[in-house]
Amino acid sequence: MTIEDLRNRIKPELESIFGSSMTTLILTKAKMRVSAQANGDGKDGCRTFLECLGSDDKLIGMWGSLEVKARISRWQNFIG
């Protein structure tokens, strides 16, 4: 799975809560952080992408840290 595949899997879930513009901002910010860390686009890159999402202030503010951790854990199952 690539980061783009993972992004496309979780995007609808985020859009249902944050709307299209905010979701794009959240996902782009996480993708940029992965690119800056040069983790690539494989499993490690996907894990780093999810770690970035897990520390996003908007997600934590909306869902709380426990819910964010639960969703990140569920999304990690997509990676394989």
C-alpha atoms as a PDB file:
ATOM      1  CA  MET A   1       0.000   0.000   0.000  1.00  0.00           C
ATOM      2  CA  THR A   2       1.190   3.491  -0.775  1.00  0.00           C
ATOM      3  CA  ILE A   3       0.512   6.625   1.227  1.00  0.00           C
ATOM      4  CA  GLU A   4      -1.866   7.724  -1.533  1.00  0.00           C
ATOM      5  CA  ASP A   5      -3.807   4.445  -1.252  1.00  0.00           C
ATOM      6  CA  LEU A   6      -4.019   4.863   2.519  1.00  0.00           C
ATOM      7  CA  ARG A   7      -5.007   8.508   2.126  1.00  0.00           C
ATOM      8  CA  ASN A   8      -7.830   7.517  -0.211  1.00  0.00           C
ATOM      9  CA  ARG A   9      -9.079   4.871   2.246  1.00  0.00           C
ATOM     10  CA  ILE A  10      -9.383   7.251   5.201  1.00  0.00           C
ATOM     11  CA  LYS A  11     -10.315  10.438   3.326  1.00  0.00           C
ATOM     12  CA  PRO A  12     -14.098   9.755   3.211  1.00  0.00           C
ATOM     13  CA  GLU A  13     -14.183   9.174   6.966  1.00  0.00           C
ATOM     14  CA  LEU A  14     -12.436  12.472   7.624  1.00  0.00           C
ATOM     15  CA  GLU A  15     -14.528  14.357   5.050  1.00  0.00           C
ATOM     16  CA  SER A  16     -17.735  13.274   6.767  1.00  0.00           C
ATOM     17  CA  ILE A  17     -16.601  15.130   9.873  1.00  0.00           C
ATOM     18  CA  PHE A  18     -14.253  17.885   8.741  1.00  0.00           C
ATOM     19  CA  GLY A  19     -15.488  18.614   5.221  1.00  0.00           C
ATOM     20  CA  SER A  20     -13.470  18.528   2.037  1.00  0.00           C
ATOM     21  CA  SER A  21     -11.219  21.568   2.526  1.00  0.00           C
ATOM     22  CA  MET A  22     -10.173  20.794   6.093  1.00  0.00           C
ATOM     23  CA  THR A  23      -9.611  17.120   5.250  1.00  0.00           C
ATOM     24  CA  THR A  24      -7.362  18.077   2.353  1.00  0.00           C
ATOM     25  CA  LEU A  25      -5.393  20.366   4.658  1.00  0.00           C
ATOM     26  CA  ILE A  26      -4.992  17.673   7.347  1.00  0.00           C
ATOM     27  CA  LEU A  27      -3.933  14.987   4.871  1.00  0.00           C
ATOM     28  CA  THR A  28      -1.571  17.268   2.956  1.00  0.00           C
ATOM     29  CA  LYS A  29       0.101  18.397   6.160  1.00  0.00           C
ATOM     30  CA  ALA A  30       0.711  14.767   7.183  1.00  0.00           C
ATOM     31  CA  LYS A  31       1.999  13.860   3.713  1.00  0.00           C
ATOM     32  CA  MET A  32       4.413  16.809   3.765  1.00  0.00           C
ATOM     33  CA  ARG A  33       5.772  15.722   7.134  1.00  0.00           C
ATOM     34  CA  VAL A  34       6.398  12.232   5.752  1.00  0.00           C
ATOM     35  CA  SER A  35       8.155  13.701   2.718  1.00  0.00           C
ATOM     36  CA  ALA A  36      10.332  15.842   4.957  1.00  0.00           C
ATOM     37  CA  GLN A  37      11.377  12.754   6.920  1.00  0.00           C
ATOM     38  CA  ALA A  38      12.206  10.856   3.709  1.00  0.00           C
ATOM     39  CA  ASN A  39      10.482   7.652   4.849  1.00  0.00           C
ATOM     40  CA  GLY A  40       9.364   6.766   1.367  1.00  0.00           C
ATOM     41  CA  ASP A  41       6.062   5.456   0.216  1.00  0.00           C
ATOM     42  CA  GLY A  42       6.051   1.894   1.578  1.00  0.00           C
ATOM     43  CA  LYS A  43       4.867   0.530   4.903  1.00  0.00           C
ATOM     44  CA  ASP A  44       7.245   2.746   6.886  1.00  0.00           C
ATOM     45  CA  GLY A  45       6.000   5.816   5.076  1.00  0.00           C
ATOM     46  CA  CYS A  46       2.388   4.801   5.700  1.00  0.00           C
ATOM     47  CA  ARG A  47       3.096   4.266   9.397  1.00  0.00           C
ATOM     48  CA  THR A  48       4.765   7.667   9.626  1.00  0.00           C
ATOM     49  CA  PHE A  49       1.795   9.207   7.797  1.00  0.00           C
ATOM     50  CA  LEU A  50      -0.554   7.746  10.414  1.00  0.00           C
ATOM     51  CA  GLU A  51       1.717   8.931  13.239  1.00  0.00           C
ATOM     52  CA  CYS A  52       1.493  12.425  11.785  1.00  0.00           C
ATOM     53  CA  LEU A  53      -2.282  12.189  11.677  1.00  0.00           C
ATOM     54  CA  GLY A  54      -2.279  10.895  15.244  1.00  0.00           C
ATOM     55  CA  SER A  55      -0.572  14.052  16.428  1.00  0.00           C
ATOM     56  CA  ASP A  56      -2.730  16.459  14.428  1.00  0.00           C
ATOM     57  CA  ASP A  57      -4.262  19.114  16.680  1.00  0.00           C
ATOM     58  CA  LYS A  58      -7.485  19.305  14.678  1.00  0.00           C
ATOM     59  CA  LEU A  59      -8.125  15.570  14.958  1.00  0.00           C
ATOM     60  CA  ILE A  60      -7.305  15.542  18.662  1.00  0.00           C
ATOM     61  CA  GLY A  61      -9.452  18.629  19.227  1.00  0.00           C
ATOM     62  CA  MET A  62     -12.442  17.067  17.492  1.00  0.00           C
ATOM     63  CA  TRP A  63     -12.175  13.463  18.683  1.00  0.00           C
ATOM     64  CA  GLY A  64      -9.927  13.519  21.745  1.00  0.00           C
ATOM     65  CA  SER A  65      -6.704  11.576  22.070  1.00  0.00           C
ATOM     66  CA  LEU A  66      -8.317   8.206  22.873  1.00  0.00           C
ATOM     67  CA  GLU A  67     -10.552   8.272  19.803  1.00  0.00           C
ATOM     68  CA  VAL A  68      -7.652   9.382  17.591  1.00  0.00           C
ATOM     69  CA  LYS A  69      -5.548   6.477  18.892  1.00  0.00           C
ATOM     70  CA  ALA A  70      -8.406   4.053  18.208  1.00  0.00           C
ATOM     71  CA  ARG A  71      -8.860   5.293  14.658  1.00  0.00           C
ATOM     72  CA  ILE A  72      -5.122   5.275  13.947  1.00  0.00           C
ATOM     73  CA  SER A  73      -4.999   1.700  15.216  1.00  0.00           C
ATOM     74  CA  ARG A  74      -7.867   0.731  12.916  1.00  0.00           C
ATOM     75  CA  TRP A  75      -6.278   2.517   9.955  1.00  0.00           C
ATOM     76  CA  GLN A  76      -3.004   0.673  10.577  1.00  0.00           C
ATOM     77  CA  ASN A  77      -4.867  -2.501   9.624  1.00  0.00           C
ATOM     78  CA  PHE A  78      -5.147  -1.094   6.100  1.00  0.00           C
ATOM     79  CA  ILE A  79      -1.351  -1.174   5.749  1.00  0.00           C
ATOM     80  CA  GLY A  80      -1.071  -4.926   6.278  1.00  0.00           C
END
